Amino acid sequence: NHKDVFSVAETHQKAYFYGGTTSKNNPMTYVSSIGKLVKHYESLGESKKSSSTSESTTIPLIVNTDGYVKSMGYEILSSLIDVINPNHIAQIVGTSKAKFFD
């Protein structure tokens, strides 16, 4: 049931505003804020495990980054990968030069 998978998204959990509209404004604080959000996400998983239900439910985590992949953007993305430790990474590439996000 898809509704069960996304039930956590229906209730806002936690957010941080780190003071900028792009990760390049303050990369250290940006990565640190993402790290805090990941810790919160992990604590949600731990509370699910400790509940007395017989079902094992994993809450999916999807991180939508800003798309910068060159220069400082690459460094920020590398730091995020270290902090998040994802099982999968997907890259969406535009079909024209105008749709490339560098």
PDB file of N, CA and C in Angstrom:
ATOM      1  N   ASN A   1       0.848  -1.182   0.000  1.00  0.00           N
ATOM      2  CA  ASN A   1       0.000   0.000   0.000  1.00  0.00           C
ATOM      3  C   ASN A   1       0.893   1.244   0.000  1.00  0.00           C
ATOM      4  N   HIS A   2       0.827   2.050  -1.062  1.00  0.00           N
ATOM      5  CA  HIS A   2       1.668   3.240  -1.194  1.00  0.00           C
ATOM      6  C   HIS A   2       1.369   4.273  -0.121  1.00  0.00           C
ATOM      7  N   LYS A   3       0.141   4.346   0.327  1.00  0.00           N
ATOM      8  CA  LYS A   3      -0.215   5.324   1.359  1.00  0.00           C
ATOM      9  C   LYS A   3       0.589   5.066   2.635  1.00  0.00           C
ATOM     10  N   ASP A   4       0.778   3.804   3.004  1.00  0.00           N
ATOM     11  CA  ASP A   4       1.538   3.470   4.201  1.00  0.00           C
ATOM     12  C   ASP A   4       3.009   3.870   4.070  1.00  0.00           C
ATOM     13  N   VAL A   5       3.579   3.715   2.883  1.00  0.00           N
ATOM     14  CA  VAL A   5       4.993   4.034   2.667  1.00  0.00           C
ATOM     15  C   VAL A   5       5.260   5.509   2.901  1.00  0.00           C
ATOM     16  N   PHE A   6       4.337   6.374   2.479  1.00  0.00           N
ATOM     17  CA  PHE A   6       4.560   7.811   2.579  1.00  0.00           C
ATOM     18  C   PHE A   6       3.806   8.464   3.730  1.00  0.00           C
ATOM     19  N   SER A   7       3.337   7.680   4.683  1.00  0.00           N
ATOM     20  CA  SER A   7       2.551   8.243   5.775  1.00  0.00           C
ATOM     21  C   SER A   7       3.349   9.230   6.622  1.00  0.00           C
ATOM     22  N   VAL A   8       4.657   9.024   6.757  1.00  0.00           N
ATOM     23  CA  VAL A   8       5.477   9.961   7.529  1.00  0.00           C
ATOM     24  C   VAL A   8       5.507  11.325   6.854  1.00  0.00           C
ATOM     25  N   ALA A   9       5.499  11.347   5.525  1.00  0.00           N
ATOM     26  CA  ALA A   9       5.551  12.613   4.793  1.00  0.00           C
ATOM     27  C   ALA A   9       4.299  13.457   5.016  1.00  0.00           C
ATOM     28  N   GLU A  10       3.234  12.834   5.417  1.00  0.00           N
ATOM     29  CA  GLU A  10       2.004  13.576   5.683  1.00  0.00           C
ATOM     30  C   GLU A  10       2.115  14.432   6.930  1.00  0.00           C
ATOM     31  N   THR A  11       3.037  14.110   7.807  1.00  0.00           N
ATOM     32  CA  THR A  11       3.253  14.858   9.038  1.00  0.00           C
ATOM     33  C   THR A  11       4.654  15.425   9.007  1.00  0.00           C
ATOM     34  N   HIS A  12       4.758  16.746   9.036  1.00  0.00           N
ATOM     35  CA  HIS A  12       6.072  17.382   8.988  1.00  0.00           C
ATOM     36  C   HIS A  12       6.910  16.947  10.187  1.00  0.00           C
ATOM     37  N   GLN A  13       8.126  16.550   9.957  1.00  0.00           N
ATOM     38  CA  GLN A  13       8.989  16.056  11.023  1.00  0.00           C
ATOM     39  C   GLN A  13       9.962  17.112  11.529  1.00  0.00           C
ATOM     40  N   LYS A  14      10.797  17.629  10.635  1.00  0.00           N
ATOM     41  CA  LYS A  14      11.833  18.554  11.072  1.00  0.00           C
ATOM     42  C   LYS A  14      12.400  19.250   9.847  1.00  0.00           C
ATOM     43  N   ALA A  15      12.817  20.507  10.031  1.00  0.00           N
ATOM     44  CA  ALA A  15      13.436  21.268   8.944  1.00  0.00           C
ATOM     45  C   ALA A  15      14.418  22.264   9.551  1.00  0.00           C
ATOM     46  N   TYR A  16      15.390  22.655   8.758  1.00  0.00           N
ATOM     47  CA  TYR A  16      16.342  23.692   9.166  1.00  0.00           C
ATOM     48  C   TYR A  16      16.446  24.715   8.046  1.00  0.00           C
ATOM     49  N   PHE A  17      16.525  25.978   8.410  1.00  0.00           N
ATOM     50  CA  PHE A  17      16.896  27.012   7.451  1.00  0.00           C
ATOM     51  C   PHE A  17      18.283  27.467   7.864  1.00  0.00           C
ATOM     52  N   TYR A  18      19.243  27.280   6.999  1.00  0.00           N
ATOM     53  CA  TYR A  18      20.629  27.553   7.372  1.00  0.00           C
ATOM     54  C   TYR A  18      21.088  28.948   6.948  1.00  0.00           C
ATOM     55  N   GLY A  19      20.203  29.739   6.362  1.00  0.00           N
ATOM     56  CA  GLY A  19      20.549  31.125   6.077  1.00  0.00           C
ATOM     57  C   GLY A  19      20.822  31.453   4.629  1.00  0.00           C
ATOM     58  N   GLY A  20      20.590  30.546   3.707  1.00  0.00           N
ATOM     59  CA  GLY A  20      20.862  30.826   2.300  1.00  0.00           C
ATOM     60  C   GLY A  20      19.887  30.113   1.393  1.00  0.00           C
ATOM     61  N   THR A  21      19.903  30.523   0.133  1.00  0.00           N
ATOM     62  CA  THR A  21      19.022  29.892  -0.839  1.00  0.00           C
ATOM     63  C   THR A  21      19.769  28.889  -1.707  1.00  0.00           C
ATOM     64  N   THR A  22      21.063  28.777  -1.504  1.00  0.00           N
ATOM     65  CA  THR A  22      21.878  27.797  -2.211  1.00  0.00           C
ATOM     66  C   THR A  22      22.907  27.233  -1.241  1.00  0.00           C
ATOM     67  N   SER A  23      23.298  26.009  -1.455  1.00  0.00           N
ATOM     68  CA  SER A  23      24.280  25.376  -0.567  1.00  0.00           C
ATOM     69  C   SER A  23      25.628  26.081  -0.616  1.00  0.00           C
ATOM     70  N   LYS A  24      25.897  26.805  -1.701  1.00  0.00           N
ATOM     71  CA  LYS A  24      27.181  27.484  -1.858  1.00  0.00           C
ATOM     72  C   LYS A  24      27.316  28.709  -0.950  1.00  0.00           C
ATOM     73  N   ASN A  25      26.191  29.217  -0.408  1.00  0.00           N
ATOM     74  CA  ASN A  25      26.261  30.377   0.489  1.00  0.00           C
ATOM     75  C   ASN A  25      26.997  30.047   1.786  1.00  0.00           C
ATOM     76  N   ASN A  26      26.769  28.860   2.305  1.00  0.00           N
ATOM     77  CA  ASN A  26      27.372  28.458   3.570  1.00  0.00           C
ATOM     78  C   ASN A  26      27.458  26.927   3.599  1.00  0.00           C
ATOM     79  N   PRO A  27      28.401  26.353   2.847  1.00  0.00           N
ATOM     80  CA  PRO A  27      28.422  24.895   2.684  1.00  0.00           C
ATOM     81  C   PRO A  27      28.591  24.110   3.981  1.00  0.00           C
ATOM     82  N   MET A  28      29.397  24.612   4.905  1.00  0.00           N
ATOM     83  CA  MET A  28      29.611  23.867   6.161  1.00  0.00           C
ATOM     84  C   MET A  28      28.307  23.754   6.959  1.00  0.00           C
ATOM     85  N   THR A  29      27.578  24.846   7.064  1.00  0.00           N
ATOM     86  CA  THR A  29      26.320  24.827   7.801  1.00  0.00           C
ATOM     87  C   THR A  29      25.278  23.989   7.069  1.00  0.00           C
ATOM     88  N   TYR A  30      25.288  24.058   5.739  1.00  0.00           N
ATOM     89  CA  TYR A  30      24.371  23.258   4.930  1.00  0.00           C
ATOM     90  C   TYR A  30      24.584  21.769   5.193  1.00  0.00           C
ATOM     91  N   VAL A  31      25.811  21.314   5.103  1.00  0.00           N
ATOM     92  CA  VAL A  31      26.123  19.892   5.321  1.00  0.00           C
ATOM     93  C   VAL A  31      25.803  19.494   6.761  1.00  0.00           C
ATOM     94  N   SER A  32      26.123  20.371   7.702  1.00  0.00           N
ATOM     95  CA  SER A  32      25.824  20.103   9.111  1.00  0.00           C
ATOM     96  C   SER A  32      24.314  19.970   9.333  1.00  0.00           C
ATOM     97  N   SER A  33      23.540  20.833   8.703  1.00  0.00           N
ATOM     98  CA  SER A  33      22.080  20.771   8.837  1.00  0.00           C
ATOM     99  C   SER A  33      21.526  19.473   8.259  1.00  0.00           C
ATOM    100  N   ILE A  34      22.055  19.063   7.109  1.00  0.00           N
ATOM    101  CA  ILE A  34      21.630  17.790   6.518  1.00  0.00           C
ATOM    102  C   ILE A  34      21.986  16.643   7.470  1.00  0.00           C
ATOM    103  N   GLY A  35      23.168  16.721   8.081  1.00  0.00           N
ATOM    104  CA  GLY A  35      23.576  15.699   9.049  1.00  0.00           C
ATOM    105  C   GLY A  35      22.610  15.600  10.217  1.00  0.00           C
ATOM    106  N   LYS A  36      22.142  16.747  10.711  1.00  0.00           N
ATOM    107  CA  LYS A  36      21.170  16.748  11.816  1.00  0.00           C
ATOM    108  C   LYS A  36      19.849  16.126  11.377  1.00  0.00           C
ATOM    109  N   LEU A  37      19.444  16.426  10.143  1.00  0.00           N
ATOM    110  CA  LEU A  37      18.209  15.841   9.634  1.00  0.00           C
ATOM    111  C   LEU A  37      18.333  14.328   9.466  1.00  0.00           C
ATOM    112  N   VAL A  38      19.503  13.865   9.037  1.00  0.00           N
ATOM    113  CA  VAL A  38      19.731  12.424   8.890  1.00  0.00           C
ATOM    114  C   VAL A  38      19.681  11.746  10.260  1.00  0.00           C
ATOM    115  N   LYS A  39      20.272  12.364  11.274  1.00  0.00           N
ATOM    116  CA  LYS A  39      20.206  11.792  12.631  1.00  0.00           C
ATOM    117  C   LYS A  39      18.758  11.700  13.107  1.00  0.00           C
ATOM    118  N   HIS A  40      17.969  12.729  12.814  1.00  0.00           N
ATOM    119  CA  HIS A  40      16.558  12.700  13.192  1.00  0.00           C
ATOM    120  C   HIS A  40      15.841  11.557  12.457  1.00  0.00           C
ATOM    121  N   TYR A  41      16.109  11.423  11.171  1.00  0.00           N
ATOM    122  CA  TYR A  41      15.538  10.329  10.371  1.00  0.00           C
ATOM    123  C   TYR A  41      15.902   8.978  10.985  1.00  0.00           C
ATOM    124  N   GLU A  42      17.165   8.814  11.352  1.00  0.00           N
ATOM    125  CA  GLU A  42      17.608   7.551  11.944  1.00  0.00           C
ATOM    126  C   GLU A  42      16.898   7.280  13.262  1.00  0.00           C
ATOM    127  N   SER A  43      16.647   8.336  14.042  1.00  0.00           N
ATOM    128  CA  SER A  43      15.941   8.148  15.313  1.00  0.00           C
ATOM    129  C   SER A  43      14.497   7.709  15.065  1.00  0.00           C
ATOM    130  N   LEU A  44      13.892   8.156  13.976  1.00  0.00           N
ATOM    131  CA  LEU A  44      12.542   7.690  13.634  1.00  0.00           C
ATOM    132  C   LEU A  44      12.556   6.195  13.344  1.00  0.00           C
ATOM    133  N   GLY A  45      13.590   5.748  12.649  1.00  0.00           N
ATOM    134  CA  GLY A  45      13.723   4.321  12.361  1.00  0.00           C
ATOM    135  C   GLY A  45      13.913   3.507  13.619  1.00  0.00           C
ATOM    136  N   GLU A  46      14.694   4.028  14.553  1.00  0.00           N
ATOM    137  CA  GLU A  46      14.919   3.323  15.814  1.00  0.00           C
ATOM    138  C   GLU A  46      13.630   3.223  16.615  1.00  0.00           C
ATOM    139  N   SER A  47      12.822   4.288  16.617  1.00  0.00           N
ATOM    140  CA  SER A  47      11.573   4.224  17.376  1.00  0.00           C
ATOM    141  C   SER A  47      10.605   3.242  16.734  1.00  0.00           C
ATOM    142  N   LYS A  48      10.651   3.114  15.398  1.00  0.00           N
ATOM    143  CA  LYS A  48       9.812   2.114  14.720  1.00  0.00           C
ATOM    144  C   LYS A  48      10.239   0.702  15.120  1.00  0.00           C
ATOM    145  N   LYS A  49      11.580   0.486  15.201  1.00  0.00           N
ATOM    146  CA  LYS A  49      12.096  -0.848  15.560  1.00  0.00           C
ATOM    147  C   LYS A  49      11.714  -1.228  16.984  1.00  0.00           C
ATOM    148  N   SER A  50      11.685  -0.245  17.881  1.00  0.00           N
ATOM    149  CA  SER A  50      11.424  -0.548  19.279  1.00  0.00           C
ATOM    150  C   SER A  50       9.934  -0.698  19.587  1.00  0.00           C
ATOM    151  N   SER A  51       9.071  -0.360  18.619  1.00  0.00           N
ATOM    152  CA  SER A  51       7.644  -0.529  18.865  1.00  0.00           C
ATOM    153  C   SER A  51       7.309  -2.019  18.880  1.00  0.00           C
ATOM    154  N   SER A  52       6.175  -2.331  19.440  1.00  0.00           N
ATOM    155  CA  SER A  52       5.830  -3.739  19.634  1.00  0.00           C
ATOM    156  C   SER A  52       5.082  -4.344  18.448  1.00  0.00           C
ATOM    157  N   THR A  53       5.144  -3.714  17.292  1.00  0.00           N
ATOM    158  CA  THR A  53       4.459  -4.285  16.129  1.00  0.00           C
ATOM    159  C   THR A  53       5.256  -5.447  15.575  1.00  0.00           C
ATOM    160  N   SER A  54       4.557  -6.363  14.957  1.00  0.00           N
ATOM    161  CA  SER A  54       5.242  -7.521  14.385  1.00  0.00           C
ATOM    162  C   SER A  54       5.770  -7.226  12.984  1.00  0.00           C
ATOM    163  N   GLU A  55       5.293  -6.137  12.357  1.00  0.00           N
ATOM    164  CA  GLU A  55       5.763  -5.774  11.022  1.00  0.00           C
ATOM    165  C   GLU A  55       7.047  -4.959  11.098  1.00  0.00           C
ATOM    166  N   SER A  56       7.941  -5.235  10.181  1.00  0.00           N
ATOM    167  CA  SER A  56       9.162  -4.436  10.065  1.00  0.00           C
ATOM    168  C   SER A  56       8.941  -3.412   8.962  1.00  0.00           C
ATOM    169  N   THR A  57       8.952  -2.124   9.316  1.00  0.00           N
ATOM    170  CA  THR A  57       8.707  -1.059   8.356  1.00  0.00           C
ATOM    171  C   THR A  57       9.941  -0.184   8.261  1.00  0.00           C
ATOM    172  N   THR A  58      10.423   0.019   7.051  1.00  0.00           N
ATOM    173  CA  THR A  58      11.535   0.927   6.832  1.00  0.00           C
ATOM    174  C   THR A  58      10.986   2.195   6.204  1.00  0.00           C
ATOM    175  N   ILE A  59      11.292   3.318   6.804  1.00  0.00           N
ATOM    176  CA  ILE A  59      10.855   4.596   6.276  1.00  0.00           C
ATOM    177  C   ILE A  59      11.864   5.029   5.220  1.00  0.00           C
ATOM    178  N   PRO A  60      11.424   5.259   3.983  1.00  0.00           N
ATOM    179  CA  PRO A  60      12.381   5.656   2.946  1.00  0.00           C
ATOM    180  C   PRO A  60      12.882   7.082   3.174  1.00  0.00           C
ATOM    181  N   LEU A  61      14.118   7.329   2.831  1.00  0.00           N
ATOM    182  CA  LEU A  61      14.696   8.668   2.888  1.00  0.00           C
ATOM    183  C   LEU A  61      15.117   9.040   1.476  1.00  0.00           C
ATOM    184  N   ILE A  62      14.554  10.121   0.971  1.00  0.00           N
ATOM    185  CA  ILE A  62      14.918  10.631  -0.338  1.00  0.00           C
ATOM    186  C   ILE A  62      15.485  12.019  -0.135  1.00  0.00           C
ATOM    187  N   VAL A  63      16.711  12.235  -0.586  1.00  0.00           N
ATOM    188  CA  VAL A  63      17.371  13.536  -0.455  1.00  0.00           C
ATOM    189  C   VAL A  63      17.501  14.131  -1.847  1.00  0.00           C
ATOM    190  N   ASN A  64      16.862  15.257  -2.059  1.00  0.00           N
ATOM    191  CA  ASN A  64      16.917  15.966  -3.331  1.00  0.00           C
ATOM    192  C   ASN A  64      17.946  17.086  -3.188  1.00  0.00           C
ATOM    193  N   THR A  65      19.111  16.904  -3.762  1.00  0.00           N
ATOM    194  CA  THR A  65      20.163  17.914  -3.656  1.00  0.00           C
ATOM    195  C   THR A  65      19.951  19.007  -4.687  1.00  0.00           C
ATOM    196  N   ASP A  66      20.734  20.065  -4.604  1.00  0.00           N
ATOM    197  CA  ASP A  66      20.531  21.228  -5.466  1.00  0.00           C
ATOM    198  C   ASP A  66      21.045  21.062  -6.893  1.00  0.00           C
ATOM    199  N   GLY A  67      21.759  20.003  -7.193  1.00  0.00           N
ATOM    200  CA  GLY A  67      22.163  19.728  -8.560  1.00  0.00           C
ATOM    201  C   GLY A  67      23.540  20.219  -8.959  1.00  0.00           C
ATOM    202  N   TYR A  68      24.208  20.981  -8.090  1.00  0.00           N
ATOM    203  CA  TYR A  68      25.556  21.436  -8.417  1.00  0.00           C
ATOM    204  C   TYR A  68      26.518  20.248  -8.349  1.00  0.00           C
ATOM    205  N   VAL A  69      27.268  20.001  -9.425  1.00  0.00           N
ATOM    206  CA  VAL A  69      28.158  18.852  -9.455  1.00  0.00           C
ATOM    207  C   VAL A  69      29.580  19.212  -9.861  1.00  0.00           C
ATOM    208  N   LYS A  70      29.855  20.481 -10.072  1.00  0.00           N
ATOM    209  CA  LYS A  70      31.198  20.909 -10.455  1.00  0.00           C
ATOM    210  C   LYS A  70      31.774  21.828  -9.394  1.00  0.00           C
ATOM    211  N   SER A  71      33.100  21.818  -9.279  1.00  0.00           N
ATOM    212  CA  SER A  71      33.825  22.717  -8.378  1.00  0.00           C
ATOM    213  C   SER A  71      33.326  22.558  -6.943  1.00  0.00           C
ATOM    214  N   MET A  72      32.895  23.641  -6.309  1.00  0.00           N
ATOM    215  CA  MET A  72      32.444  23.570  -4.919  1.00  0.00           C
ATOM    216  C   MET A  72      31.223  22.658  -4.781  1.00  0.00           C
ATOM    217  N   GLY A  73      30.373  22.624  -5.808  1.00  0.00           N
ATOM    218  CA  GLY A  73      29.201  21.749  -5.772  1.00  0.00           C
ATOM    219  C   GLY A  73      29.586  20.293  -5.622  1.00  0.00           C
ATOM    220  N   TYR A  74      30.672  19.895  -6.285  1.00  0.00           N
ATOM    221  CA  TYR A  74      31.165  18.521  -6.167  1.00  0.00           C
ATOM    222  C   TYR A  74      31.627  18.239  -4.738  1.00  0.00           C
ATOM    223  N   GLU A  75      32.323  19.187  -4.148  1.00  0.00           N
ATOM    224  CA  GLU A  75      32.800  19.020  -2.768  1.00  0.00           C
ATOM    225  C   GLU A  75      31.624  18.903  -1.796  1.00  0.00           C
ATOM    226  N   ILE A  76      30.616  19.743  -1.994  1.00  0.00           N
ATOM    227  CA  ILE A  76      29.432  19.696  -1.130  1.00  0.00           C
ATOM    228  C   ILE A  76      28.713  18.356  -1.305  1.00  0.00           C
ATOM    229  N   LEU A  77      28.533  17.933  -2.550  1.00  0.00           N
ATOM    230  CA  LEU A  77      27.864  16.662  -2.823  1.00  0.00           C
ATOM    231  C   LEU A  77      28.633  15.492  -2.217  1.00  0.00           C
ATOM    232  N   SER A  78      29.949  15.521  -2.321  1.00  0.00           N
ATOM    233  CA  SER A  78      30.778  14.462  -1.717  1.00  0.00           C
ATOM    234  C   SER A  78      30.599  14.425  -0.208  1.00  0.00           C
ATOM    235  N   SER A  79      30.544  15.593   0.408  1.00  0.00           N
ATOM    236  CA  SER A  79      30.324  15.662   1.862  1.00  0.00           C
ATOM    237  C   SER A  79      28.951  15.119   2.234  1.00  0.00           C
ATOM    238  N   LEU A  80      27.949  15.445   1.428  1.00  0.00           N
ATOM    239  CA  LEU A  80      26.605  14.936   1.702  1.00  0.00           C
ATOM    240  C   LEU A  80      26.549  13.416   1.586  1.00  0.00           C
ATOM    241  N   ILE A  81      27.232  12.877   0.603  1.00  0.00           N
ATOM    242  CA  ILE A  81      27.265  11.418   0.446  1.00  0.00           C
ATOM    243  C   ILE A  81      27.910  10.780   1.669  1.00  0.00           C
ATOM    244  N   ASP A  82      28.960  11.399   2.197  1.00  0.00           N
ATOM    245  CA  ASP A  82      29.601  10.883   3.418  1.00  0.00           C
ATOM    246  C   ASP A  82      28.650  10.935   4.607  1.00  0.00           C
ATOM    247  N   VAL A  83      27.890  12.021   4.734  1.00  0.00           N
ATOM    248  CA  VAL A  83      26.983  12.204   5.866  1.00  0.00           C
ATOM    249  C   VAL A  83      25.767  11.284   5.764  1.00  0.00           C
ATOM    250  N   ILE A  84      25.200  11.181   4.566  1.00  0.00           N
ATOM    251  CA  ILE A  84      23.964  10.426   4.378  1.00  0.00           C
ATOM    252  C   ILE A  84      24.227   8.926   4.271  1.00  0.00           C
ATOM    253  N   ASN A  85      25.331   8.546   3.658  1.00  0.00           N
ATOM    254  CA  ASN A  85      25.689   7.143   3.446  1.00  0.00           C
ATOM    255  C   ASN A  85      24.559   6.388   2.730  1.00  0.00           C
ATOM    256  N   PRO A  86      24.192   6.847   1.527  1.00  0.00           N
ATOM    257  CA  PRO A  86      23.032   6.253   0.836  1.00  0.00           C
ATOM    258  C   PRO A  86      23.299   4.860   0.283  1.00  0.00           C
ATOM    259  N   ASN A  87      22.236   4.102   0.131  1.00  0.00           N
ATOM    260  CA  ASN A  87      22.318   2.803  -0.536  1.00  0.00           C
ATOM    261  C   ASN A  87      22.294   2.964  -2.051  1.00  0.00           C
ATOM    262  N   HIS A  88      21.604   3.990  -2.529  1.00  0.00           N
ATOM    263  CA  HIS A  88      21.469   4.242  -3.961  1.00  0.00           C
ATOM    264  C   HIS A  88      21.603   5.739  -4.227  1.00  0.00           C
ATOM    265  N   ILE A  89      22.149   6.073  -5.391  1.00  0.00           N
ATOM    266  CA  ILE A  89      22.236   7.462  -5.837  1.00  0.00           C
ATOM    267  C   ILE A  89      21.710   7.493  -7.263  1.00  0.00           C
ATOM    268  N   ALA A  90      20.789   8.412  -7.536  1.00  0.00           N
ATOM    269  CA  ALA A  90      20.254   8.572  -8.888  1.00  0.00           C
ATOM    270  C   ALA A  90      20.632   9.949  -9.404  1.00  0.00           C
ATOM    271  N   GLN A  91      21.079   9.998 -10.633  1.00  0.00           N
ATOM    272  CA  GLN A  91      21.389  11.272 -11.275  1.00  0.00           C
ATOM    273  C   GLN A  91      20.421  11.448 -12.437  1.00  0.00           C
ATOM    274  N   ILE A  92      19.742  12.581 -12.451  1.00  0.00           N
ATOM    275  CA  ILE A  92      18.823  12.888 -13.534  1.00  0.00           C
ATOM    276  C   ILE A  92      19.516  13.898 -14.439  1.00  0.00           C
ATOM    277  N   VAL A  93      19.665  13.547 -15.703  1.00  0.00           N
ATOM    278  CA  VAL A  93      20.394  14.383 -16.652  1.00  0.00           C
ATOM    279  C   VAL A  93      19.418  14.898 -17.697  1.00  0.00           C
ATOM    280  N   GLY A  94      19.456  16.203 -17.933  1.00  0.00           N
ATOM    281  CA  GLY A  94      18.602  16.805 -18.953  1.00  0.00           C
ATOM    282  C   GLY A  94      19.036  16.401 -20.348  1.00  0.00           C
ATOM    283  N   THR A  95      18.128  16.536 -21.290  1.00  0.00           N
ATOM    284  CA  THR A  95      18.416  16.138 -22.663  1.00  0.00           C
ATOM    285  C   THR A  95      18.997  17.280 -23.497  1.00  0.00           C
ATOM    286  N   SER A  96      18.986  18.495 -22.965  1.00  0.00           N
ATOM    287  CA  SER A  96      19.563  19.623 -23.703  1.00  0.00           C
ATOM    288  C   SER A  96      20.477  20.414 -22.781  1.00  0.00           C
ATOM    289  N   LYS A  97      21.329  21.214 -23.344  1.00  0.00           N
ATOM    290  CA  LYS A  97      22.270  22.026 -22.558  1.00  0.00           C
ATOM    291  C   LYS A  97      21.528  22.923 -21.566  1.00  0.00           C
ATOM    292  N   ALA A  98      20.369  23.431 -21.955  1.00  0.00           N
ATOM    293  CA  ALA A  98      19.583  24.308 -21.082  1.00  0.00           C
ATOM    294  C   ALA A  98      19.061  23.589 -19.839  1.00  0.00           C
ATOM    295  N   LYS A  99      18.970  22.269 -19.911  1.00  0.00           N
ATOM    296  CA  LYS A  99      18.437  21.503 -18.784  1.00  0.00           C
ATOM    297  C   LYS A  99      19.520  20.842 -17.945  1.00  0.00           C
ATOM    298  N   PHE A 100      20.778  21.134 -18.220  1.00  0.00           N
ATOM    299  CA  PHE A 100      21.883  20.634 -17.408  1.00  0.00           C
ATOM    300  C   PHE A 100      22.049  21.553 -16.211  1.00  0.00           C
ATOM    301  N   PHE A 101      22.232  20.973 -15.027  1.00  0.00           N
ATOM    302  CA  PHE A 101      22.390  21.758 -13.812  1.00  0.00           C
ATOM    303  C   PHE A 101      23.826  21.603 -13.331  1.00  0.00           C
ATOM    304  N   ASP A 102      24.667  22.573 -13.658  1.00  0.00           N
ATOM    305  CA  ASP A 102      26.079  22.528 -13.267  1.00  0.00           C
ATOM    306  C   ASP A 102      26.309  23.330 -12.016  1.00  0.00           C
TER     307      ASP A 102
END
